[in-house]
Structure formats: C-alpha cells, structure tokens
Amino acid sequence: MFHKPILPNPSGLERITVMQGQALASADKSLEYSTVLGSCVATCLFDPEARVGGMNHFLLAEPPAGYDTAVDEHYGLYLMELLVNEMLAKGARKSKLKAHLYGGANVNRNMMKIGSVNAEFARKFLANEGIALLREDLGGTQARRVDFRPASGQVRLRTVEDRLAPPVQPTARPAKSLGDVELF
C-alpha cells in the first residue's frame, strides 16, 4: 500500500535522484526515486489501480505576479502540473491519485519562511485539483531525505535532527576595511 514504509533498498533496485526542477513518473518495479529537501517540497503521487507513481521537487511555490511561467522548472506551479501530466501519460487516472508531501522546512532561521510558503502552495494545489492527500511531513527546521518506489507507492522518510545540523550564524562584516579599493 502507499502508506507502508519501505525496507532498506534491496540490491538490484535502481535509485534515481530527483533533482530540483524535475518531475518523474514510472510503473517500473525496479525503480526507486530519491531526493533530499530543505525548504523545497517534493510531491509523491500514486495511482493504486494503475500501479503508477511519480515524484517532483520544486524550489519555490509560485513566481511573482506578471512573471511568465510557461516553462519555468523552478516553480511548483509548473512542476505540479508536469507531474500530474506525466502520471496520466503513464496510465494513471486523476480521480485515483493519492499524494504525500514532504519538505517545506525553514532551515535558515534568518531568512523568510520559504518552506512554509512552499508547503501551503502544495496543499492548496492538491485540494484545488481534487487529489487526496494521505500524508504530509512538512515544515519545521529539519532537512529530509525521501525515497519513493513509484510502482508500489511505498515511501521512506528520514530527517536530520537539529542538534546534528550545523548552527546557522550570520556572517558579520569586518569592523574596519582590510585593504584599499580601486574603482575603475
């Protein structure tokens, strides 16, 4: 089932890393998709009847107003549509799709809450498209690694504890100039 955790990767299973800006789908039982997330969000979709699954990995939710998003792979708006279309092309039915969402952490406490914005976008997208959200592990400050087997819908999630992550410290400017500057 889609919600059962997977056991460690058996030999012979091909692991494919899903990078930022990618959306991949397959019904191949010998594949496992894997990605590492901070503020990015990954969506894992699965059609239990067609036995087709897919994963995307997006960096930002939506572009600023007025920005042309026709083919910008950095934004969730494009990658969510791309993932659904890849699934349909492999035989999935939209009415049967089940989703898991991962990531959306605010790993740098000194920056705007990009992870929270990404997470909220992904939830709203699924709700607007009528895709059932079975599980989410979003937010917080921890990075995550997600492994997903598209043909079975099995998923494994691992987090990096805050105490193991290096502390975030803003870089301070030097108190005084360390040399001359020559302007051209």
Protein backbone atom coordinates (compact mmCIF):
# COMPACT_ATOMS: atom_id res chain seq x y z
CA MET A 1 0.00 0.00 0.00
CA PHE A 2 1.02 3.62 -0.41
CA HIS A 3 1.30 4.37 3.28
CA LYS A 4 3.51 1.41 4.26
CA PRO A 5 7.14 2.30 4.90
CA ILE A 6 9.69 0.60 2.72
CA LEU A 7 12.54 -1.55 3.86
CA PRO A 8 16.14 -0.67 3.03
CA ASN A 9 16.94 -0.72 -0.67
CA PRO A 10 17.44 -4.32 -1.84
CA SER A 11 20.22 -5.00 -4.32
CA GLY A 12 19.21 -4.65 -7.93
CA LEU A 13 16.84 -1.71 -7.37
CA GLU A 14 17.83 1.31 -9.46
CA ARG A 15 17.82 4.54 -7.44
CA ILE A 16 17.18 7.73 -9.39
CA THR A 17 17.80 11.08 -7.73
CA VAL A 18 15.05 13.61 -8.36
CA MET A 19 16.76 17.00 -8.53
CA GLN A 20 15.27 20.47 -8.16
CA GLY A 21 13.15 21.22 -11.19
CA GLN A 22 12.36 17.60 -12.05
CA ALA A 23 9.15 15.58 -12.18
CA LEU A 24 9.45 11.86 -12.95
CA ALA A 25 6.84 9.09 -13.20
CA SER A 26 7.06 5.34 -13.77
CA ALA A 27 5.39 1.97 -13.33
CA ASP A 28 8.75 0.17 -13.23
CA LYS A 29 9.03 -2.09 -10.16
CA SER A 30 12.83 -1.90 -10.26
CA LEU A 31 12.98 1.89 -9.67
CA GLU A 32 13.22 3.99 -6.55
CA TYR A 33 13.16 7.78 -6.63
CA SER A 34 15.16 9.64 -4.01
CA THR A 35 15.58 13.29 -3.08
CA VAL A 36 16.87 15.50 -0.27
CA LEU A 37 14.82 18.50 0.80
CA GLY A 38 15.27 21.60 2.90
CA SER A 39 12.81 24.38 2.08
CA CYS A 40 11.94 22.64 -1.20
CA VAL A 41 8.87 20.41 -1.42
CA ALA A 42 8.54 17.00 -3.05
CA THR A 43 5.20 15.55 -4.03
CA CYS A 44 4.86 11.78 -4.32
CA LEU A 45 1.80 10.75 -6.36
CA PHE A 46 0.49 7.22 -6.76
CA ASP A 47 -2.42 5.58 -8.56
CA PRO A 48 -3.00 2.28 -6.69
CA GLU A 49 -5.05 0.76 -9.53
CA ALA A 50 -2.69 1.60 -12.40
CA ARG A 51 0.36 0.99 -10.15
CA VAL A 52 1.99 4.18 -11.43
CA GLY A 53 3.79 6.69 -9.27
CA GLY A 54 5.82 9.84 -9.58
CA MET A 55 7.81 12.44 -7.67
CA ASN A 56 8.65 16.09 -8.22
CA HIS A 57 10.98 18.50 -6.41
CA PHE A 58 10.31 22.22 -6.51
CA LEU A 59 12.35 25.13 -5.19
CA LEU A 60 9.71 27.89 -4.99
CA ALA A 61 5.92 27.85 -4.93
CA GLU A 62 4.83 30.44 -7.48
CA PRO A 63 6.58 33.14 -9.47
CA PRO A 64 5.97 36.82 -8.76
CA ALA A 65 2.91 38.38 -10.40
CA GLY A 66 3.43 39.12 -14.07
CA TYR A 67 6.25 36.59 -14.47
CA ASP A 68 5.94 34.24 -17.48
CA THR A 69 5.82 30.69 -16.09
CA ALA A 70 5.25 28.77 -19.29
CA VAL A 71 8.30 26.57 -18.79
CA ASP A 72 10.00 27.53 -15.54
CA GLU A 73 11.01 24.35 -13.77
CA HIS A 74 11.90 26.10 -10.52
CA TYR A 75 8.29 26.75 -9.56
CA GLY A 76 5.79 24.38 -8.01
CA LEU A 77 3.05 25.67 -10.29
CA TYR A 78 4.82 24.22 -13.32
CA LEU A 79 6.17 21.07 -11.64
CA MET A 80 2.87 20.03 -10.07
CA GLU A 81 1.13 20.23 -13.46
CA LEU A 82 4.04 18.41 -15.08
CA LEU A 83 3.91 15.58 -12.53
CA VAL A 84 0.15 15.08 -12.94
CA ASN A 85 0.55 15.05 -16.73
CA GLU A 86 3.45 12.55 -16.55
CA MET A 87 1.28 10.29 -14.38
CA LEU A 88 -1.65 10.49 -16.81
CA ALA A 89 0.65 9.72 -19.74
CA LYS A 90 1.72 6.51 -17.93
CA GLY A 91 -1.88 5.34 -17.47
CA ALA A 92 -2.88 6.87 -14.12
CA ARG A 93 -6.34 8.35 -13.64
CA LYS A 94 -6.56 11.72 -11.93
CA SER A 95 -9.54 10.64 -9.83
CA LYS A 96 -7.47 7.77 -8.38
CA LEU A 97 -4.34 9.77 -7.47
CA LYS A 98 -3.12 9.76 -3.87
CA ALA A 99 -0.46 12.16 -2.62
CA HIS A 100 2.23 12.53 0.00
CA LEU A 101 4.02 15.86 0.60
CA TYR A 102 7.46 16.27 2.13
CA GLY A 103 9.87 19.12 2.88
CA GLY A 104 8.98 22.75 3.32
CA ALA A 105 11.36 23.26 6.24
CA ASN A 106 12.50 26.69 7.29
CA VAL A 107 16.10 25.61 7.71
CA ASN A 108 17.60 29.08 7.91
CA ARG A 109 16.03 30.96 10.78
CA ASN A 110 17.41 34.27 9.48
CA MET A 111 15.61 34.14 6.13
CA MET A 112 12.00 34.47 5.07
CA LYS A 113 9.81 31.37 5.55
CA ILE A 114 10.19 29.95 2.03
CA GLY A 115 9.49 26.42 3.24
CA SER A 116 6.15 27.42 4.77
CA VAL A 117 5.09 29.15 1.56
CA ASN A 118 6.06 26.06 -0.49
CA ALA A 119 4.15 23.73 1.84
CA GLU A 120 1.00 25.82 1.76
CA PHE A 121 1.13 26.06 -2.02
CA ALA A 122 1.40 22.26 -2.39
CA ARG A 123 -1.54 21.64 -0.05
CA LYS A 124 -3.71 24.15 -1.91
CA PHE A 125 -2.76 22.74 -5.30
CA LEU A 126 -3.81 19.23 -4.30
CA ALA A 127 -7.06 20.47 -2.78
CA ASN A 128 -7.90 22.53 -5.88
CA GLU A 129 -7.18 19.56 -8.16
CA GLY A 130 -9.19 17.11 -6.01
CA ILE A 131 -6.16 14.91 -5.28
CA ALA A 132 -6.34 13.10 -1.93
CA LEU A 133 -3.53 13.98 0.47
CA LEU A 134 -2.80 10.85 2.51
CA ARG A 135 0.28 12.00 4.41
CA GLU A 136 2.44 15.04 4.84
CA ASP A 137 5.64 15.76 6.69
CA LEU A 138 6.11 19.48 6.13
CA GLY A 139 7.59 22.42 7.98
CA GLY A 140 9.88 22.53 10.96
CA THR A 141 13.58 23.19 10.60
CA GLN A 142 14.86 19.74 9.68
CA ALA A 143 16.12 18.62 6.30
CA ARG A 144 14.56 15.42 4.95
CA ARG A 145 15.51 12.56 2.65
CA VAL A 146 12.65 10.85 0.82
CA ASP A 147 12.83 7.51 -1.02
CA PHE A 148 9.79 6.55 -3.09
CA ARG A 149 9.02 3.43 -5.10
CA PRO A 150 6.67 4.59 -7.85
CA ALA A 151 5.22 1.20 -8.84
CA SER A 152 4.18 0.25 -5.29
CA GLY A 153 3.69 3.69 -3.75
CA GLN A 154 5.95 2.80 -0.82
CA VAL A 155 7.86 5.62 0.81
CA ARG A 156 10.64 6.05 3.35
CA LEU A 157 11.33 9.34 5.11
CA ARG A 158 14.38 10.25 7.14
CA THR A 159 15.09 13.54 8.89
CA VAL A 160 18.23 15.26 10.07
CA GLU A 161 17.88 16.30 13.70
CA ASP A 162 18.51 19.96 14.54
CA ARG A 163 21.23 19.01 17.01
CA LEU A 164 23.17 17.31 14.18
CA ALA A 165 22.83 20.19 11.75
CA PRO A 166 25.45 22.95 11.83
CA PRO A 167 24.25 26.12 13.60
CA VAL A 168 23.15 28.98 11.37
CA GLN A 169 25.19 32.07 12.13
CA PRO A 170 25.01 35.28 10.14
CA THR A 171 28.31 36.42 8.75
CA ALA A 172 29.48 39.67 10.27
CA ARG A 173 31.15 42.40 8.25
CA PRO A 174 34.67 43.29 9.27
CA ALA A 175 34.77 46.23 11.67
CA LYS A 176 37.26 48.07 9.51
CA SER A 177 38.48 47.90 5.94
CA LEU A 178 41.17 45.31 5.34
CA GLY A 179 42.66 46.98 2.26
CA ASP A 180 42.38 49.63 -0.40
CA VAL A 181 39.72 49.55 -3.07
CA GLU A 182 40.45 50.86 -6.53
CA LEU A 183 37.46 51.87 -8.62
CA PHE A 184 37.68 51.80 -12.40
